[in-house]
C-alpha atoms as a PDB file:
ATOM      1  CA  MET A   1     140.956  62.158 196.396  1.00  0.00           C
ATOM      2  CA  LEU A   2     138.180  61.994 198.975  1.00  0.00           C
ATOM      3  CA  LYS A   3     139.919  64.759 200.941  1.00  0.00           C
ATOM      4  CA  LYS A   4     139.738  67.072 197.917  1.00  0.00           C
ATOM      5  CA  PHE A   5     135.979  66.577 197.614  1.00  0.00           C
ATOM      6  CA  GLN A   6     135.578  67.176 201.350  1.00  0.00           C
ATOM      7  CA  ASN A   7     137.575  70.380 200.993  1.00  0.00           C
ATOM      8  CA  LEU A   8     135.390  71.429 198.048  1.00  0.00           C
ATOM      9  CA  PHE A   9     132.278  70.935 200.162  1.00  0.00           C
ATOM     10  CA  THR A  10     133.902  72.814 203.057  1.00  0.00           C
ATOM     11  CA  LEU A  11     134.856  75.656 200.688  1.00  0.00           C
ATOM     12  CA  TYR A  12     131.242  75.856 199.535  1.00  0.00           C
ATOM     13  CA  LYS A  13     130.083  76.157 203.148  1.00  0.00           C
ATOM     14  CA  ILE A  14     132.695  78.842 203.857  1.00  0.00           C
ATOM     15  CA  ILE A  15     131.640  80.874 200.815  1.00  0.00           C
ATOM     16  CA  LYS A  16     128.003  80.480 201.778  1.00  0.00           C
ATOM     17  CA  SER A  17     128.586  81.729 205.328  1.00  0.00           C
ATOM     18  CA  ARG A  18     131.390  84.309 204.884  1.00  0.00           C
ATOM     19  CA  GLY A  19     131.099  85.275 201.220  1.00  0.00           C
ATOM     20  CA  ASN A  20     131.064  88.957 200.341  1.00  0.00           C
ATOM     21  CA  GLN A  21     127.915  88.702 198.228  1.00  0.00           C
ATOM     22  CA  PRO A  22     127.756  92.404 197.202  1.00  0.00           C
ATOM     23  CA  LEU A  23     131.320  92.237 195.855  1.00  0.00           C
ATOM     24  CA  ILE A  24     130.718  88.873 194.185  1.00  0.00           C
ATOM     25  CA  ARG A  25     127.644  90.241 192.393  1.00  0.00           C
ATOM     26  CA  HIS A  26     129.451  93.463 191.434  1.00  0.00           C
ATOM     27  CA  SER A  27     132.633  91.846 190.081  1.00  0.00           C
ATOM     28  CA  ARG A  28     131.375  88.552 188.755  1.00  0.00           C
ATOM     29  CA  LYS A  29     133.554  88.740 185.623  1.00  0.00           C
ATOM     30  CA  GLN A  30     136.682  89.363 187.697  1.00  0.00           C
ATOM     31  CA  LEU A  31     135.888  86.355 189.911  1.00  0.00           C
ATOM     32  CA  ILE A  32     135.285  84.122 186.893  1.00  0.00           C
ATOM     33  CA  ASP A  33     138.577  85.269 185.353  1.00  0.00           C
ATOM     34  CA  PHE A  34     140.275  84.518 188.686  1.00  0.00           C
ATOM     35  CA  ILE A  35     138.797  81.006 188.797  1.00  0.00           C
ATOM     36  CA  LEU A  36     139.547  80.246 185.142  1.00  0.00           C
ATOM     37  CA  CYS A  37     143.077  81.715 185.448  1.00  0.00           C
ATOM     38  CA  LYS A  38     142.593  84.240 182.648  1.00  0.00           C
ATOM     39  CA  ASN A  39     144.466  87.093 184.301  1.00  0.00           C
ATOM     40  CA  ASP A  40     147.990  88.073 183.280  1.00  0.00           C
ATOM     41  CA  LEU A  41     149.661  86.697 186.407  1.00  0.00           C
ATOM     42  CA  ASN A  42     148.437  83.129 186.111  1.00  0.00           C
ATOM     43  CA  LYS A  43     147.243  82.533 182.541  1.00  0.00           C
ATOM     44  CA  LYS A  44     146.212  78.937 181.854  1.00  0.00           C
ATOM     45  CA  SER A  45     143.965  77.055 179.471  1.00  0.00           C
ATOM     46  CA  PHE A  46     140.608  75.800 180.787  1.00  0.00           C
ATOM     47  CA  LEU A  47     141.871  72.261 181.340  1.00  0.00           C
ATOM     48  CA  GLN A  48     145.050  73.469 183.048  1.00  0.00           C
ATOM     49  CA  ALA A  49     142.979  75.775 185.269  1.00  0.00           C
ATOM     50  CA  MET A  50     140.688  72.935 186.386  1.00  0.00           C
ATOM     51  CA  ILE A  51     143.681  70.715 187.181  1.00  0.00           C
ATOM     52  CA  TYR A  52     145.324  73.626 189.022  1.00  0.00           C
ATOM     53  CA  TRP A  53     142.261  74.238 191.229  1.00  0.00           C
ATOM     54  CA  PHE A  54     141.743  70.523 191.829  1.00  0.00           C
ATOM     55  CA  ASN A  55     145.337  70.291 193.067  1.00  0.00           C
ATOM     56  CA  MET A  56     144.851  73.443 195.171  1.00  0.00           C
ATOM     57  CA  LEU A  57     142.037  71.661 197.035  1.00  0.00           C
ATOM     58  CA  LYS A  58     144.695  69.624 198.863  1.00  0.00           C
ATOM     59  CA  GLY A  59     145.205  72.624 201.117  1.00  0.00           C
ATOM     60  CA  LEU A  60     141.997  74.525 201.691  1.00  0.00           C
ATOM     61  CA  ASP A  61     143.683  77.242 203.753  1.00  0.00           C
ATOM     62  CA  VAL A  62     145.525  78.653 200.715  1.00  0.00           C
ATOM     63  CA  ILE A  63     142.327  79.030 198.691  1.00  0.00           C
ATOM     64  CA  VAL A  64     140.511  80.657 201.603  1.00  0.00           C
ATOM     65  CA  TRP A  65     143.440  83.008 202.163  1.00  0.00           C
ATOM     66  CA  ARG A  66     143.448  84.047 198.483  1.00  0.00           C
ATOM     67  CA  LEU A  67     139.704  84.690 198.511  1.00  0.00           C
ATOM     68  CA  GLU A  68     140.029  86.736 201.712  1.00  0.00           C
ATOM     69  CA  THR A  69     142.916  88.718 200.210  1.00  0.00           C
ATOM     70  CA  PHE A  70     140.863  89.691 197.162  1.00  0.00           C
ATOM     71  CA  GLY A  71     137.871  90.541 199.344  1.00  0.00           C
ATOM     72  CA  PHE A  72     135.550  87.802 198.119  1.00  0.00           C
ATOM     73  CA  LEU A  73     135.436  86.347 201.647  1.00  0.00           C
ATOM     74  CA  TYR A  74     135.055  88.272 204.869  1.00  0.00           C
ATOM     75  CA  SER A  75     137.613  87.585 207.550  1.00  0.00           C
ATOM     76  CA  PRO A  76     136.135  85.703 210.519  1.00  0.00           C
ATOM     77  CA  ILE A  77     137.149  88.547 212.857  1.00  0.00           C
ATOM     78  CA  GLN A  78     135.378  91.326 210.916  1.00  0.00           C
ATOM     79  CA  GLY A  79     132.336  92.921 212.457  1.00  0.00           C
ATOM     80  CA  ASP A  80     129.258  94.304 210.718  1.00  0.00           C
ATOM     81  CA  GLU A  81     130.688  97.833 210.616  1.00  0.00           C
ATOM     82  CA  ASP A  82     133.853  96.579 208.928  1.00  0.00           C
ATOM     83  CA  LYS A  83     131.783  94.723 206.319  1.00  0.00           C
ATOM     84  CA  ILE A  84     129.774  97.845 205.509  1.00  0.00           C
ATOM     85  CA  LYS A  85     132.948  99.948 205.331  1.00  0.00           C
ATOM     86  CA  LEU A  86     134.585  97.415 203.014  1.00  0.00           C
ATOM     87  CA  ASN A  87     131.727  97.617 200.492  1.00  0.00           C
ATOM     88  CA  GLN A  88     130.988 101.337 200.681  1.00  0.00           C
ATOM     89  CA  TYR A  89     132.673 102.084 197.332  1.00  0.00           C
ATOM     90  CA  LEU A  90     130.865  99.470 195.238  1.00  0.00           C
END
């Protein structure tokens, strides 16, 4: 249980340092729907969604990978030009 809270704190630090803030501000509703599992692929009630994410905190790498895939986190190897190019259509 302590490991999950450590991973939550680590996830917060990762989002703070590598978060794609322009995309997060632009698609806030999409991110909230992703977190609350309200999309068609993974529809869950609020309680089920919280349990799902709490269990996902066992392995932080999967959550980080999913956030990188959807563009909410920058990859650690991306440069400044890549970041600008990624957000040019917002």
